[in-house]
Amino acid sequence: MCGNIWKIPVKVGQSVSAGDTLVVVEAMKMELSVIAPAAGTVTAIRCVPGKPVNAGDPLIVLAEDATCTVAG
């Protein structure tokens, strides 16, 4: 779906949790949140508020946090 970047509530270097909003896109008069799929750190922002984007365009680069789960 095509839309315009409405707002970017994160900054480069910011830590985010899974489910945090990374970008809000306005499309068809609706605001759609792009959420973090996992905990990590924002390493790059590849979009600009007010500019159009298409489905599949890279918006945010997120480096996932390394976690270790020990079962026992």
N, C-alpha and C. Protein backbone atom coordinates (compact mmCIF):
# COMPACT_ATOMS: atom_id res chain seq x y z
N MET A 1 0.84 -1.18 0.00
CA MET A 1 0.00 0.00 0.00
C MET A 1 0.89 1.24 0.00
N CYS A 2 0.57 2.22 -0.80
CA CYS A 2 1.29 3.49 -0.83
C CYS A 2 0.76 4.39 0.27
N GLY A 3 1.61 5.28 0.75
CA GLY A 3 1.20 6.23 1.78
C GLY A 3 2.26 7.28 1.98
N ASN A 4 2.04 8.14 2.95
CA ASN A 4 3.00 9.18 3.31
C ASN A 4 3.46 8.95 4.74
N ILE A 5 4.73 9.23 4.98
CA ILE A 5 5.24 9.14 6.35
C ILE A 5 4.60 10.25 7.16
N TRP A 6 3.93 9.87 8.23
CA TRP A 6 3.23 10.84 9.07
C TRP A 6 4.13 11.32 10.20
N LYS A 7 4.73 10.36 10.94
CA LYS A 7 5.69 10.73 11.98
C LYS A 7 6.63 9.57 12.27
N ILE A 8 7.77 9.94 12.84
CA ILE A 8 8.80 8.97 13.20
C ILE A 8 9.13 9.21 14.68
N PRO A 9 8.55 8.43 15.58
CA PRO A 9 8.74 8.68 17.00
C PRO A 9 10.03 8.11 17.60
N VAL A 10 10.93 7.61 16.76
CA VAL A 10 12.20 7.07 17.26
C VAL A 10 13.36 7.85 16.64
N LYS A 11 14.53 7.69 17.26
CA LYS A 11 15.75 8.34 16.77
C LYS A 11 16.84 7.28 16.61
N VAL A 12 17.82 7.57 15.77
CA VAL A 12 18.96 6.67 15.61
C VAL A 12 19.65 6.52 16.96
N GLY A 13 19.97 5.30 17.31
CA GLY A 13 20.62 5.00 18.58
C GLY A 13 19.65 4.64 19.70
N GLN A 14 18.38 4.85 19.46
CA GLN A 14 17.36 4.56 20.47
C GLN A 14 17.10 3.07 20.58
N SER A 15 16.99 2.58 21.81
CA SER A 15 16.61 1.19 22.05
C SER A 15 15.09 1.09 22.00
N VAL A 16 14.59 0.03 21.39
CA VAL A 16 13.15 -0.20 21.30
C VAL A 16 12.84 -1.62 21.74
N SER A 17 11.61 -1.82 22.16
CA SER A 17 11.13 -3.15 22.54
C SER A 17 10.24 -3.68 21.43
N ALA A 18 10.06 -4.98 21.40
CA ALA A 18 9.13 -5.58 20.43
C ALA A 18 7.76 -4.96 20.63
N GLY A 19 7.15 -4.52 19.54
CA GLY A 19 5.82 -3.91 19.60
C GLY A 19 5.83 -2.40 19.66
N ASP A 20 7.00 -1.78 19.89
CA ASP A 20 7.07 -0.31 19.89
C ASP A 20 6.82 0.23 18.49
N THR A 21 6.19 1.40 18.41
CA THR A 21 5.95 2.04 17.12
C THR A 21 7.24 2.67 16.61
N LEU A 22 7.61 2.33 15.37
CA LEU A 22 8.81 2.88 14.74
C LEU A 22 8.47 4.02 13.79
N VAL A 23 7.39 3.86 13.04
CA VAL A 23 6.98 4.84 12.03
C VAL A 23 5.46 4.82 11.97
N VAL A 24 4.86 5.98 11.71
CA VAL A 24 3.42 6.05 11.45
C VAL A 24 3.25 6.51 10.01
N VAL A 25 2.52 5.70 9.23
CA VAL A 25 2.26 5.98 7.82
C VAL A 25 0.79 6.34 7.66
N GLU A 26 0.52 7.39 6.89
CA GLU A 26 -0.87 7.78 6.58
C GLU A 26 -1.17 7.23 5.19
N ALA A 27 -2.23 6.42 5.12
CA ALA A 27 -2.65 5.86 3.84
C ALA A 27 -4.17 5.77 3.83
N MET A 28 -4.79 6.26 2.78
CA MET A 28 -6.24 6.22 2.64
C MET A 28 -6.94 6.84 3.86
N LYS A 29 -6.38 7.95 4.35
CA LYS A 29 -6.91 8.70 5.49
C LYS A 29 -6.90 7.92 6.80
N MET A 30 -6.04 6.90 6.88
CA MET A 30 -5.86 6.15 8.11
C MET A 30 -4.40 6.22 8.53
N GLU A 31 -4.14 6.23 9.83
CA GLU A 31 -2.79 6.17 10.35
C GLU A 31 -2.46 4.72 10.67
N LEU A 32 -1.37 4.22 10.09
CA LEU A 32 -0.96 2.83 10.28
C LEU A 32 0.41 2.82 10.96
N SER A 33 0.52 2.12 12.07
CA SER A 33 1.79 2.05 12.79
C SER A 33 2.63 0.89 12.27
N VAL A 34 3.91 1.16 12.06
CA VAL A 34 4.87 0.12 11.74
C VAL A 34 5.57 -0.18 13.07
N ILE A 35 5.45 -1.42 13.54
CA ILE A 35 5.97 -1.75 14.86
C ILE A 35 7.25 -2.58 14.78
N ALA A 36 8.03 -2.50 15.85
CA ALA A 36 9.27 -3.27 15.94
C ALA A 36 8.94 -4.75 16.09
N PRO A 37 9.53 -5.60 15.24
CA PRO A 37 9.26 -7.03 15.34
C PRO A 37 9.98 -7.69 16.51
N ALA A 38 11.02 -7.01 17.02
CA ALA A 38 11.82 -7.55 18.12
C ALA A 38 12.51 -6.40 18.84
N ALA A 39 13.04 -6.66 20.00
CA ALA A 39 13.81 -5.65 20.72
C ALA A 39 15.11 -5.38 19.96
N GLY A 40 15.55 -4.13 19.98
CA GLY A 40 16.79 -3.80 19.29
C GLY A 40 17.11 -2.33 19.39
N THR A 41 18.03 -1.89 18.54
CA THR A 41 18.48 -0.50 18.49
C THR A 41 18.29 0.02 17.07
N VAL A 42 17.72 1.21 16.96
CA VAL A 42 17.54 1.85 15.65
C VAL A 42 18.92 2.28 15.16
N THR A 43 19.35 1.75 14.01
CA THR A 43 20.66 2.10 13.47
C THR A 43 20.59 3.06 12.29
N ALA A 44 19.42 3.15 11.65
CA ALA A 44 19.25 4.09 10.54
C ALA A 44 17.76 4.35 10.31
N ILE A 45 17.47 5.57 9.88
CA ILE A 45 16.11 5.94 9.49
C ILE A 45 16.16 6.29 8.02
N ARG A 46 15.41 5.57 7.20
CA ARG A 46 15.47 5.72 5.75
C ARG A 46 14.23 6.37 5.15
N CYS A 47 13.50 7.10 5.97
CA CYS A 47 12.31 7.78 5.49
C CYS A 47 12.25 9.17 6.11
N VAL A 48 11.40 10.02 5.54
CA VAL A 48 11.29 11.42 5.97
C VAL A 48 9.81 11.76 6.11
N PRO A 49 9.43 12.40 7.24
CA PRO A 49 8.02 12.79 7.39
C PRO A 49 7.54 13.63 6.21
N GLY A 50 6.32 13.33 5.75
CA GLY A 50 5.72 14.06 4.65
C GLY A 50 6.03 13.50 3.27
N LYS A 51 6.96 12.57 3.20
CA LYS A 51 7.35 12.00 1.90
C LYS A 51 6.59 10.71 1.64
N PRO A 52 6.27 10.44 0.36
CA PRO A 52 5.56 9.20 0.03
C PRO A 52 6.46 7.97 0.11
N VAL A 53 5.84 6.83 0.43
CA VAL A 53 6.54 5.55 0.45
C VAL A 53 5.64 4.50 -0.20
N ASN A 54 6.25 3.45 -0.67
CA ASN A 54 5.53 2.33 -1.28
C ASN A 54 5.71 1.08 -0.43
N ALA A 55 4.83 0.13 -0.61
CA ALA A 55 4.96 -1.15 0.08
C ALA A 55 6.32 -1.75 -0.25
N GLY A 56 7.02 -2.21 0.77
CA GLY A 56 8.33 -2.82 0.58
C GLY A 56 9.50 -1.87 0.71
N ASP A 57 9.24 -0.55 0.75
CA ASP A 57 10.34 0.41 0.92
C ASP A 57 10.95 0.25 2.31
N PRO A 58 12.29 0.29 2.41
CA PRO A 58 12.91 0.23 3.74
C PRO A 58 12.66 1.55 4.48
N LEU A 59 12.18 1.47 5.70
CA LEU A 59 11.86 2.66 6.48
C LEU A 59 12.84 2.86 7.63
N ILE A 60 13.11 1.79 8.36
CA ILE A 60 13.96 1.83 9.55
C ILE A 60 14.89 0.62 9.51
N VAL A 61 16.15 0.82 9.93
CA VAL A 61 17.06 -0.30 10.10
C VAL A 61 17.18 -0.55 11.60
N LEU A 62 16.90 -1.77 12.00
CA LEU A 62 16.88 -2.15 13.41
C LEU A 62 17.86 -3.29 13.64
N ALA A 63 18.82 -3.07 14.54
CA ALA A 63 19.75 -4.14 14.93
C ALA A 63 19.13 -4.84 16.13
N GLU A 64 18.78 -6.12 15.96
CA GLU A 64 18.15 -6.86 17.04
C GLU A 64 19.12 -7.08 18.19
N ASP A 65 18.59 -6.99 19.42
CA ASP A 65 19.39 -7.29 20.61
C ASP A 65 19.70 -8.78 20.64
N ALA A 66 20.92 -9.10 21.01
CA ALA A 66 21.29 -10.50 21.17
C ALA A 66 20.79 -10.95 22.54
N THR A 67 20.06 -12.03 22.55
CA THR A 67 19.56 -12.56 23.82
C THR A 67 19.92 -14.03 23.92
N CYS A 68 20.06 -14.47 25.12
CA CYS A 68 20.39 -15.87 25.36
C CYS A 68 19.35 -16.43 26.32
N THR A 69 18.73 -17.50 25.91
CA THR A 69 17.74 -18.15 26.77
C THR A 69 18.30 -19.51 27.18
N VAL A 70 18.35 -19.72 28.47
CA VAL A 70 18.85 -20.99 28.99
C VAL A 70 17.68 -21.78 29.55
N ALA A 71 17.48 -22.95 29.01
CA ALA A 71 16.42 -23.82 29.51
C ALA A 71 17.02 -24.76 30.55
N GLY A 72 16.28 -25.05 31.56
CA GLY A 72 16.89 -25.95 32.52
C GLY A 72 15.97 -26.36 33.54
